[in-house]
Amino acid sequence: MLKRVRRYLQRYQWYLWMRELVPAVCGVRRQFHGGVISLHAAGNPHGNVLISYDNGGLLCKMQGKPIPTSHPQYYKTMVMAQTFVDIGYDVDVIHCENHKFVPWKSYDVVVDTRFNLQRLASYLPSSCIKILHCDTAQLVFQNVAEMTRVLALQHRKGVTLPLNRLEIPHLGVEQADYLTTCGNEFTMNTFAYSGKPIFRLPMLAQRMWPWSETKDFDVSRHRFLWFGSRGMVHKGLDLVLEAFAQMPECQLTIVGPVHDEPEFVDIYRKELFHTPNIKCVGWLDKSSEDFRTILEHSVAHVFPSCSEAGAAAVIETMAAGVIPLVTHEASIDVENFGVLLQDASIETIVRQVREVAAMPADELGRRAQKAWEAAHCNHTPEKFERAYRETMEMILAKHGKR
């Protein structure tokens, strides 16, 4: 009976509208991620800008809540929006996962990080400047890199893990006029195929720790840190665990959302929770005293990621004087203070961790201070703000929109 009634009602347009409207209204916050946040320039605006990134920070600010510091994307979105407002544009900000938004005005500039450049292409005037902010390496490269890591783990452990960082490739690069990224030459080279102009912006650390005059490098030389967000295999925690299980003389502290990946925990339960020289802390607030204490006690951050657009977690620890020990794909300039892993094999991690632990205390102190100085000189919020404004002003001037 109900099926017959439903078939009857489907003849009428109003029923079809209501069928779409009700779930949309019920799930509006989930689907639209806060909808559109509009910021207005003083006086008569030069035009309109749409930013599609992460509007969570702006939502918190509007609600009088603290701005999240769990990832720099919240702050970067706020900087991007305020930059265009200061230049004289009205700005609309949506979440990059808002795939329902349809423009009701003409935009002079659109900045996106994922699918909205290609999705909105037919709505944008030909004069619109389209900018893709690349906050990952090119996604085909990234997906292959992660699958290669998961395949290697499958061969070592006889188990297949979920691809936690796998993303559907988009055509934002192909739609864009310009690209920006916080990654180094590694990240930029993954986009070189497009021939599009790409501008490098500084990564940023949202917490700048004071230099520790009391850190004892003779004590900390055997204490290492793995700190990262989701995607344990992508970011090389499996390799680090297997390496430190072979180095009882070295201690490893793990800070990250490990428990959010139960399949990973099942495989590495012994290393995570039943190996004396390994301590899994879980996720910590980066501003907490517990995190500060871990940074104070750690000599180096071991981060053998397979694909990044600048590993923000590494910059955060450098800002506390922790030496980066990273892969080329972590997209971090280690200069003369960090250690670039020759490859991401377990054998290489063991060898190069032991090399760091064997360095003289004076050399460890020099490297730690140089890492601290690099973060404090090159990766402050002010540096990002200034670089982003200079880049946008240059692009706008080239198109006669200043």
Foldseek 3Di string as FASTA:
>chain_A
DVVVVVVVVVVDPVVVVVVVPVVCVVCVCVQFVVPKDKDAAPDAALFEEEEAAHCQQVVCVVVVHHRDPPDCRNVLSVLLQVLRSVVGHIYIYTYLNNLPDADPDEGQEYEHAAAPLVSHVVVYDPNHAYEYEHFWAQQVQLQVLQVVLQVVVCVVQVDGFDQWPHDDGYCSLVSHQEYEFQFAPVRVVSSVVSVHHYYHFHAAAADQDDADPPQFCLQLLQEEEEEDEPDCSQFQVVLVLVLVLVPLSHAYEYAYQPVVRVVVCVRCVCSDPPRVRYHYPYHDRLPDPVVLVSLSRHLAHETAHRIGRAGNVRLNSLSHLHAYEYEVRNRDDNDPQHHYQPHSHSVSVNVVSVVSSPDDSVSSNVSSVVSNCCSVPGHHPVRRSVVSSVVVVVVCVVSVSD
